[in-house]
Amino acid sequence: MSDIVYIASWDMSSEVVDMPIDPDFPKGYQVIGKHYNRDGEHFHFVWGPGRLKDCAENEEAKRDFAARGEQIVPVGVHGTMVAVDWDACYADGACIEACPVQVFEWYRTANDVPATEAWKYPGGNGETTKDRRKDRTDKADPIREHDCIWCMACVSVCPPQAIKVDQSNLEYHEKAAGTYNPELAKSAQPPPHAHH
């Protein structure tokens, strides 16, 4: 892991936006964190700025955040090719149940910390069963986005439409990681699936 320091940039306005993940994601977003898998090799980026969305209006989520003494604040999008807007996610778990290759885990079952801190702790050992979430403060974390088979099952079942799966976002991931190769991008074959 590198010693990169990320400066978080969140839209802290109190206006709640009821909408799915931005269809133009990751355009207009910047890397605000890097979430490593426990294997030390794989990771996904955290993109911001975040905005208050569906989670801030979900009654169960509000109750569970209050019970923990935590505020619902913008946290951004986890993942690039498999992107979950954590501001829209209210821990329904349909994506975790639908995914045939266990791309997702409940982040709080790996590290029970506020969502704003999740990217600072390695994931990869959390629960991958829908009903094993801690509570509605938990989030579906695409910690194994490198294993995605592009079936789109998660996208089709997510109630708040918080997930975007798009292989073409690999270019954004590679540019942010400093591994982008324009010659490979020009080839007739799609680039190999990112493992970092």
C-alpha atoms as a PDB file:
ATOM      1  CA  MET A   1       0.000   0.000   0.000  1.00  0.00           C
ATOM      2  CA  SER A   2       1.226   3.462  -0.810  1.00  0.00           C
ATOM      3  CA  ASP A   3       1.493   6.477   1.436  1.00  0.00           C
ATOM      4  CA  ILE A   4      -0.881   8.526  -0.709  1.00  0.00           C
ATOM      5  CA  VAL A   5      -2.841  11.132   1.199  1.00  0.00           C
ATOM      6  CA  TYR A   6      -6.326  11.855  -0.101  1.00  0.00           C
ATOM      7  CA  ILE A   7      -8.198  15.047   0.553  1.00  0.00           C
ATOM      8  CA  ALA A   8     -11.904  14.378   0.893  1.00  0.00           C
ATOM      9  CA  SER A   9     -14.289  16.660  -0.946  1.00  0.00           C
ATOM     10  CA  TRP A  10     -17.935  16.295  -0.034  1.00  0.00           C
ATOM     11  CA  ASP A  11     -20.950  18.429  -0.844  1.00  0.00           C
ATOM     12  CA  MET A  12     -22.198  19.009   2.691  1.00  0.00           C
ATOM     13  CA  SER A  13     -25.427  20.742   1.656  1.00  0.00           C
ATOM     14  CA  SER A  14     -28.520  19.617   3.504  1.00  0.00           C
ATOM     15  CA  GLU A  15     -30.548  19.166   0.317  1.00  0.00           C
ATOM     16  CA  VAL A  16     -31.451  15.518  -0.207  1.00  0.00           C
ATOM     17  CA  VAL A  17     -31.439  14.312  -3.798  1.00  0.00           C
ATOM     18  CA  ASP A  18     -33.723  11.373  -4.609  1.00  0.00           C
ATOM     19  CA  MET A  19     -31.960   9.827  -7.563  1.00  0.00           C
ATOM     20  CA  PRO A  20     -29.970   6.787  -8.602  1.00  0.00           C
ATOM     21  CA  ILE A  21     -26.250   6.738  -9.200  1.00  0.00           C
ATOM     22  CA  ASP A  22     -25.188   9.434 -11.632  1.00  0.00           C
ATOM     23  CA  PRO A  23     -25.517   7.957 -15.148  1.00  0.00           C
ATOM     24  CA  ASP A  24     -22.406   9.914 -16.194  1.00  0.00           C
ATOM     25  CA  PHE A  25     -20.296   8.523 -13.335  1.00  0.00           C
ATOM     26  CA  PRO A  26     -17.272   8.825 -13.075  1.00  0.00           C
ATOM     27  CA  LYS A  27     -17.235  12.018 -15.172  1.00  0.00           C
ATOM     28  CA  GLY A  28     -17.136  14.997 -12.820  1.00  0.00           C
ATOM     29  CA  TYR A  29     -15.887  12.955  -9.862  1.00  0.00           C
ATOM     30  CA  GLN A  30     -12.454  12.820  -8.282  1.00  0.00           C
ATOM     31  CA  VAL A  31     -10.698  10.144  -6.273  1.00  0.00           C
ATOM     32  CA  ILE A  32     -11.112  10.786  -2.545  1.00  0.00           C
ATOM     33  CA  GLY A  33      -9.861   7.422  -1.297  1.00  0.00           C
ATOM     34  CA  LYS A  34      -8.466   4.036  -2.174  1.00  0.00           C
ATOM     35  CA  HIS A  35     -10.030   0.963  -0.541  1.00  0.00           C
ATOM     36  CA  TYR A  36      -7.753  -2.071  -0.461  1.00  0.00           C
ATOM     37  CA  ASN A  37      -8.803  -5.678  -0.350  1.00  0.00           C
ATOM     38  CA  ARG A  38      -7.196  -7.578   2.512  1.00  0.00           C
ATOM     39  CA  ASP A  39      -5.046  -9.434  -0.058  1.00  0.00           C
ATOM     40  CA  GLY A  40      -2.990  -6.202  -0.402  1.00  0.00           C
ATOM     41  CA  GLU A  41      -3.068  -6.394  -4.195  1.00  0.00           C
ATOM     42  CA  HIS A  42      -6.596  -5.498  -5.280  1.00  0.00           C
ATOM     43  CA  PHE A  43      -8.349  -2.229  -4.545  1.00  0.00           C
ATOM     44  CA  HIS A  44     -11.086   0.062  -5.720  1.00  0.00           C
ATOM     45  CA  PHE A  45     -11.283   3.818  -5.676  1.00  0.00           C
ATOM     46  CA  VAL A  46     -13.688   5.949  -3.686  1.00  0.00           C
ATOM     47  CA  TRP A  47     -15.012   8.850  -5.752  1.00  0.00           C
ATOM     48  CA  GLY A  48     -16.502  12.151  -4.632  1.00  0.00           C
ATOM     49  CA  PRO A  49     -17.947  14.541  -4.012  1.00  0.00           C
ATOM     50  CA  GLY A  50     -20.829  12.739  -2.365  1.00  0.00           C
ATOM     51  CA  ARG A  51     -24.345  14.137  -1.977  1.00  0.00           C
ATOM     52  CA  LEU A  52     -27.165  13.263   0.363  1.00  0.00           C
ATOM     53  CA  LYS A  53     -29.511  10.872  -1.475  1.00  0.00           C
ATOM     54  CA  ASP A  54     -31.953   8.028  -0.780  1.00  0.00           C
ATOM     55  CA  CYS A  55     -30.209   6.758   2.345  1.00  0.00           C
ATOM     56  CA  ALA A  56     -30.809  10.091   4.095  1.00  0.00           C
ATOM     57  CA  GLU A  57     -34.578   9.645   3.609  1.00  0.00           C
ATOM     58  CA  ASN A  58     -34.870   5.957   4.465  1.00  0.00           C
ATOM     59  CA  GLU A  59     -36.592   5.655   7.865  1.00  0.00           C
ATOM     60  CA  GLU A  60     -34.806   2.432   8.841  1.00  0.00           C
ATOM     61  CA  ALA A  61     -31.428   3.927   7.922  1.00  0.00           C
ATOM     62  CA  LYS A  62     -32.156   7.128   9.882  1.00  0.00           C
ATOM     63  CA  ARG A  63     -33.156   5.033  12.909  1.00  0.00           C
ATOM     64  CA  ASP A  64     -30.012   2.890  12.735  1.00  0.00           C
ATOM     65  CA  PHE A  65     -27.673   5.853  12.239  1.00  0.00           C
ATOM     66  CA  ALA A  66     -29.276   7.578  15.249  1.00  0.00           C
ATOM     67  CA  ALA A  67     -28.922   4.400  17.355  1.00  0.00           C
ATOM     68  CA  ARG A  68     -25.183   4.401  16.591  1.00  0.00           C
ATOM     69  CA  GLY A  69     -24.844   8.111  17.316  1.00  0.00           C
ATOM     70  CA  GLU A  70     -23.729   8.728  13.717  1.00  0.00           C
ATOM     71  CA  GLN A  71     -24.922  11.338  11.262  1.00  0.00           C
ATOM     72  CA  ILE A  72     -25.856  10.551   7.678  1.00  0.00           C
ATOM     73  CA  VAL A  73     -23.296  12.485   5.671  1.00  0.00           C
ATOM     74  CA  PRO A  74     -22.226  12.306   2.009  1.00  0.00           C
ATOM     75  CA  VAL A  75     -19.650   9.554   1.438  1.00  0.00           C
ATOM     76  CA  GLY A  76     -19.405   9.178  -2.357  1.00  0.00           C
ATOM     77  CA  VAL A  77     -19.148   6.225  -4.722  1.00  0.00           C
ATOM     78  CA  HIS A  78     -17.166   3.034  -4.032  1.00  0.00           C
ATOM     79  CA  GLY A  79     -15.739   1.256  -7.071  1.00  0.00           C
ATOM     80  CA  THR A  80     -15.223   2.269 -10.699  1.00  0.00           C
ATOM     81  CA  MET A  81     -16.290  -0.539 -13.053  1.00  0.00           C
ATOM     82  CA  VAL A  82     -18.678  -1.832 -10.373  1.00  0.00           C
ATOM     83  CA  ALA A  83     -19.704   1.409  -8.707  1.00  0.00           C
ATOM     84  CA  VAL A  84     -21.995   1.677  -5.672  1.00  0.00           C
ATOM     85  CA  ASP A  85     -23.233   5.125  -4.694  1.00  0.00           C
ATOM     86  CA  TRP A  86     -23.053   4.838  -0.913  1.00  0.00           C
ATOM     87  CA  ASP A  87     -25.188   7.970  -0.567  1.00  0.00           C
ATOM     88  CA  ALA A  88     -28.064   6.202  -2.308  1.00  0.00           C
ATOM     89  CA  CYS A  89     -27.454   2.708  -0.825  1.00  0.00           C
ATOM     90  CA  TYR A  90     -29.610   1.955   2.212  1.00  0.00           C
ATOM     91  CA  ALA A  91     -28.392  -1.615   2.771  1.00  0.00           C
ATOM     92  CA  ASP A  92     -31.208  -3.534   1.117  1.00  0.00           C
ATOM     93  CA  GLY A  93     -28.777  -6.301   0.160  1.00  0.00           C
ATOM     94  CA  ALA A  94     -30.438  -7.394  -3.071  1.00  0.00           C
ATOM     95  CA  CYS A  95     -27.128  -6.921  -4.914  1.00  0.00           C
ATOM     96  CA  ILE A  96     -25.269  -9.139  -2.460  1.00  0.00           C
ATOM     97  CA  GLU A  97     -27.896 -11.844  -2.874  1.00  0.00           C
ATOM     98  CA  ALA A  98     -27.982 -11.574  -6.693  1.00  0.00           C
ATOM     99  CA  CYS A  99     -24.234 -11.539  -7.388  1.00  0.00           C
ATOM    100  CA  PRO A 100     -23.074 -14.989  -8.542  1.00  0.00           C
ATOM    101  CA  VAL A 101     -19.370 -14.279  -7.848  1.00  0.00           C
ATOM    102  CA  GLN A 102     -19.573 -12.386  -4.525  1.00  0.00           C
ATOM    103  CA  VAL A 103     -18.237  -9.047  -5.729  1.00  0.00           C
ATOM    104  CA  PHE A 104     -19.914  -7.356  -2.743  1.00  0.00           C
ATOM    105  CA  GLU A 105     -19.574  -7.608   1.002  1.00  0.00           C
ATOM    106  CA  TRP A 106     -21.141  -5.737   3.895  1.00  0.00           C
ATOM    107  CA  TYR A 107     -18.353  -3.336   4.807  1.00  0.00           C
ATOM    108  CA  ARG A 108     -19.334  -3.077   8.497  1.00  0.00           C
ATOM    109  CA  THR A 109     -18.999  -6.845   8.955  1.00  0.00           C
ATOM    110  CA  ALA A 110     -15.335  -6.505   7.938  1.00  0.00           C
ATOM    111  CA  ASN A 111     -14.650  -3.224   9.793  1.00  0.00           C
ATOM    112  CA  ASP A 112     -17.368  -1.729  11.976  1.00  0.00           C
ATOM    113  CA  VAL A 113     -16.475   1.936  11.445  1.00  0.00           C
ATOM    114  CA  PRO A 114     -18.449   4.900  10.057  1.00  0.00           C
ATOM    115  CA  ALA A 115     -18.801   4.876   6.248  1.00  0.00           C
ATOM    116  CA  THR A 116     -16.578   7.967   5.973  1.00  0.00           C
ATOM    117  CA  GLU A 117     -13.725   5.872   7.424  1.00  0.00           C
ATOM    118  CA  ALA A 118     -14.341   2.556   5.618  1.00  0.00           C
ATOM    119  CA  TRP A 119     -11.795   3.067   2.839  1.00  0.00           C
ATOM    120  CA  LYS A 120      -9.006   3.436   5.396  1.00  0.00           C
ATOM    121  CA  TYR A 121      -9.324  -0.220   6.471  1.00  0.00           C
ATOM    122  CA  PRO A 122      -8.742  -3.252   4.227  1.00  0.00           C
ATOM    123  CA  GLY A 123     -11.850  -5.176   3.247  1.00  0.00           C
ATOM    124  CA  GLY A 124     -12.305  -8.626   1.801  1.00  0.00           C
ATOM    125  CA  ASN A 125     -13.331 -10.617   4.846  1.00  0.00           C
ATOM    126  CA  GLY A 126     -16.863  -9.268   5.374  1.00  0.00           C
ATOM    127  CA  GLU A 127     -20.173 -11.082   5.120  1.00  0.00           C
ATOM    128  CA  THR A 128     -21.499 -11.835   1.651  1.00  0.00           C
ATOM    129  CA  THR A 129     -25.029 -12.886   2.627  1.00  0.00           C
ATOM    130  CA  LYS A 130     -27.945 -10.456   2.384  1.00  0.00           C
ATOM    131  CA  ASP A 131     -29.305 -10.960   5.897  1.00  0.00           C
ATOM    132  CA  ARG A 132     -25.901 -10.706   7.627  1.00  0.00           C
ATOM    133  CA  ARG A 133     -25.613  -6.899   7.465  1.00  0.00           C
ATOM    134  CA  LYS A 134     -25.037  -5.112  10.757  1.00  0.00           C
ATOM    135  CA  ASP A 135     -27.967  -2.743  10.207  1.00  0.00           C
ATOM    136  CA  ARG A 136     -29.104  -0.126   7.660  1.00  0.00           C
ATOM    137  CA  THR A 137     -25.930   1.907   8.231  1.00  0.00           C
ATOM    138  CA  ASP A 138     -24.012  -0.840   6.427  1.00  0.00           C
ATOM    139  CA  LYS A 139     -23.195  -0.535   2.718  1.00  0.00           C
ATOM    140  CA  ALA A 140     -22.663  -2.991  -0.112  1.00  0.00           C
ATOM    141  CA  ASP A 141     -18.955  -2.675  -0.837  1.00  0.00           C
ATOM    142  CA  PRO A 142     -17.693  -3.840  -4.271  1.00  0.00           C
ATOM    143  CA  ILE A 143     -14.456  -5.001  -2.653  1.00  0.00           C
ATOM    144  CA  ARG A 144     -13.963  -7.680  -5.307  1.00  0.00           C
ATOM    145  CA  GLU A 145     -14.948  -5.619  -8.367  1.00  0.00           C
ATOM    146  CA  HIS A 146     -12.046  -7.307 -10.186  1.00  0.00           C
ATOM    147  CA  ASP A 147     -14.060 -10.574 -10.085  1.00  0.00           C
ATOM    148  CA  CYS A 148     -17.158  -9.124 -11.791  1.00  0.00           C
ATOM    149  CA  ILE A 149     -18.474 -11.156 -14.756  1.00  0.00           C
ATOM    150  CA  TRP A 150     -20.639  -8.247 -16.053  1.00  0.00           C
ATOM    151  CA  CYS A 151     -23.936 -10.113 -15.659  1.00  0.00           C
ATOM    152  CA  MET A 152     -25.687  -6.949 -14.410  1.00  0.00           C
ATOM    153  CA  ALA A 153     -27.749  -8.892 -11.839  1.00  0.00           C
ATOM    154  CA  CYS A 154     -26.883  -6.370  -9.110  1.00  0.00           C
ATOM    155  CA  VAL A 155     -27.971  -3.411 -11.238  1.00  0.00           C
ATOM    156  CA  SER A 156     -31.333  -4.962 -12.034  1.00  0.00           C
ATOM    157  CA  VAL A 157     -32.283  -5.678  -8.401  1.00  0.00           C
ATOM    158  CA  CYS A 158     -31.027  -2.601  -6.514  1.00  0.00           C
ATOM    159  CA  PRO A 159     -34.109  -0.737  -5.169  1.00  0.00           C
ATOM    160  CA  PRO A 160     -32.505   2.749  -5.043  1.00  0.00           C
ATOM    161  CA  GLN A 161     -30.620   2.131  -8.337  1.00  0.00           C
ATOM    162  CA  ALA A 162     -27.348   2.837  -6.550  1.00  0.00           C
ATOM    163  CA  ILE A 163     -25.184   0.580  -8.748  1.00  0.00           C
ATOM    164  CA  LYS A 164     -23.573   1.176 -12.121  1.00  0.00           C
ATOM    165  CA  VAL A 165     -21.625  -1.607 -13.849  1.00  0.00           C
ATOM    166  CA  ASP A 166     -19.642  -0.377 -16.833  1.00  0.00           C
ATOM    167  CA  GLN A 167     -16.506  -2.011 -18.220  1.00  0.00           C
ATOM    168  CA  SER A 168     -15.626   1.176 -20.099  1.00  0.00           C
ATOM    169  CA  ASN A 169     -14.950   2.837 -16.737  1.00  0.00           C
ATOM    170  CA  LEU A 170     -11.746   0.773 -16.625  1.00  0.00           C
ATOM    171  CA  GLU A 171     -10.032   3.715 -18.345  1.00  0.00           C
ATOM    172  CA  TYR A 172     -10.948   6.019 -15.420  1.00  0.00           C
ATOM    173  CA  HIS A 173      -9.671   3.424 -12.943  1.00  0.00           C
ATOM    174  CA  GLU A 174      -6.387   2.984 -14.807  1.00  0.00           C
ATOM    175  CA  LYS A 175      -5.851   6.728 -15.201  1.00  0.00           C
ATOM    176  CA  ALA A 176      -6.447   7.245 -11.481  1.00  0.00           C
ATOM    177  CA  ALA A 177      -4.079   4.348 -10.708  1.00  0.00           C
ATOM    178  CA  GLY A 178      -1.409   5.620 -13.117  1.00  0.00           C
ATOM    179  CA  THR A 179      -1.531   2.416 -15.181  1.00  0.00           C
ATOM    180  CA  TYR A 180      -3.417   3.636 -18.262  1.00  0.00           C
ATOM    181  CA  ASN A 181      -1.865   2.548 -21.577  1.00  0.00           C
ATOM    182  CA  PRO A 182      -3.315   4.464 -24.564  1.00  0.00           C
ATOM    183  CA  GLU A 183      -1.913   1.897 -27.025  1.00  0.00           C
ATOM    184  CA  LEU A 184      -3.880  -0.899 -25.376  1.00  0.00           C
ATOM    185  CA  ALA A 185      -6.966   1.317 -25.384  1.00  0.00           C
ATOM    186  CA  LYS A 186      -6.692   1.714 -29.176  1.00  0.00           C
ATOM    187  CA  SER A 187      -6.547  -2.022 -29.877  1.00  0.00           C
ATOM    188  CA  ALA A 188      -9.476  -3.912 -31.371  1.00  0.00           C
ATOM    189  CA  GLN A 189      -9.677  -6.143 -28.323  1.00  0.00           C
ATOM    190  CA  PRO A 190     -11.012  -4.804 -25.045  1.00  0.00           C
ATOM    191  CA  PRO A 191      -8.299  -4.354 -22.427  1.00  0.00           C
ATOM    192  CA  PRO A 192      -7.764  -7.182 -19.941  1.00  0.00           C
ATOM    193  CA  HIS A 193      -9.845  -6.964 -16.786  1.00  0.00           C
ATOM    194  CA  ALA A 194      -8.171  -4.787 -14.169  1.00  0.00           C
ATOM    195  CA  HIS A 195      -6.761  -6.606 -11.180  1.00  0.00           C
ATOM    196  CA  HIS A 196      -5.561  -3.547  -9.311  1.00  0.00           C
END
